[in-house]
Amino acid sequence: MLILQRKEGESLLIGDDVEITVVSVEAGRARLAIQAPRSVTILRSELKVAAQTNRDAADEKASPLELLGVLREQGKKE
């Protein structure tokens, strides 16, 4: 992993086609502008994890009724 420090208005390049610019930094949050070809997928990491979790759940061999039973049991424990 490469860790870089950039100030507002500064950029970094990934390959020849992707440029990331720090637009602003406020209250511990950085706003980034990403310029890349349309063929490059840009996705927040938490969305990628959620999509994988959904795919894994869809691949489950349990029936929907079994899964509903698991959810009901979880609700009783709380």
Protein backbone atom coordinates (compact mmCIF):
# COMPACT_ATOMS: atom_id res chain seq x y z
CA MET A 1 0.00 0.00 0.00
CA LEU A 2 1.26 3.42 -0.93
CA ILE A 3 0.39 6.29 1.43
CA LEU A 4 0.65 9.83 0.11
CA GLN A 5 -0.08 13.24 1.54
CA ARG A 6 -1.76 15.76 -0.73
CA LYS A 7 -2.99 19.25 -0.06
CA GLU A 8 -6.20 20.79 -1.37
CA GLY A 9 -5.89 21.25 -5.13
CA GLU A 10 -3.07 18.72 -5.52
CA SER A 11 -3.43 15.58 -7.63
CA LEU A 12 -1.97 12.16 -8.12
CA LEU A 13 -1.91 10.01 -11.23
CA ILE A 14 -2.62 6.30 -11.55
CA GLY A 15 -1.26 5.05 -14.84
CA ASP A 16 -1.75 7.37 -17.80
CA ASP A 17 -5.53 7.67 -17.61
CA VAL A 18 -6.62 8.22 -14.00
CA GLU A 19 -6.14 11.47 -12.08
CA ILE A 20 -7.33 12.00 -8.50
CA THR A 21 -7.49 15.55 -7.17
CA VAL A 22 -8.11 16.62 -3.55
CA VAL A 23 -10.99 19.10 -3.86
CA SER A 24 -11.32 19.94 -0.16
CA VAL A 25 -10.58 18.69 3.33
CA GLU A 26 -13.07 19.64 6.05
CA ALA A 27 -13.88 18.13 9.45
CA GLY A 28 -11.67 15.11 8.84
CA ARG A 29 -13.24 14.29 5.46
CA ALA A 30 -11.57 14.59 2.09
CA ARG A 31 -13.53 15.32 -1.08
CA LEU A 32 -11.88 13.82 -4.14
CA ALA A 33 -12.40 14.39 -7.84
CA ILE A 34 -11.59 11.42 -10.04
CA GLN A 35 -11.01 11.79 -13.74
CA ALA A 36 -10.90 8.46 -15.55
CA PRO A 37 -12.10 6.85 -18.76
CA ARG A 38 -15.71 5.63 -18.66
CA SER A 39 -14.42 2.07 -19.02
CA VAL A 40 -12.82 2.29 -15.54
CA THR A 41 -15.16 1.20 -12.73
CA ILE A 42 -15.06 3.48 -9.69
CA LEU A 43 -16.82 2.11 -6.61
CA ARG A 44 -16.66 2.91 -2.89
CA SER A 45 -15.14 -0.05 -1.07
CA GLU A 46 -18.12 -0.51 1.27
CA LEU A 47 -20.41 -0.94 -1.74
CA LYS A 48 -18.14 -3.63 -3.14
CA VAL A 49 -18.26 -5.48 0.19
CA ALA A 50 -22.08 -5.16 0.32
CA ALA A 51 -22.40 -6.48 -3.24
CA GLN A 52 -20.23 -9.49 -2.40
CA THR A 53 -22.27 -10.16 0.76
CA ASN A 54 -25.46 -10.09 -1.33
CA ARG A 55 -23.97 -12.50 -3.87
CA ASP A 56 -22.88 -14.84 -1.08
CA ALA A 57 -26.38 -14.75 0.44
CA ALA A 58 -27.93 -15.49 -2.95
CA ASP A 59 -25.68 -18.54 -3.29
CA GLU A 60 -26.88 -20.00 0.02
CA LYS A 61 -28.42 -23.45 -0.30
CA ALA A 62 -30.94 -22.84 2.50
CA SER A 63 -34.55 -22.29 1.53
CA PRO A 64 -36.16 -18.88 2.11
CA LEU A 65 -38.28 -20.39 4.90
CA GLU A 66 -35.17 -21.62 6.70
CA LEU A 67 -33.59 -18.18 6.40
CA LEU A 68 -36.78 -16.57 7.71
CA GLY A 69 -36.63 -18.91 10.71
CA VAL A 70 -33.06 -17.80 11.43
CA LEU A 71 -34.16 -14.15 11.34
CA ARG A 72 -37.06 -14.86 13.70
CA GLU A 73 -34.73 -16.59 16.16
CA GLN A 74 -32.39 -13.60 16.07
CA GLY A 75 -35.31 -11.31 16.88
CA LYS A 76 -36.30 -13.40 19.93
CA LYS A 77 -32.76 -13.19 21.36
CA GLU A 78 -32.78 -9.38 21.36
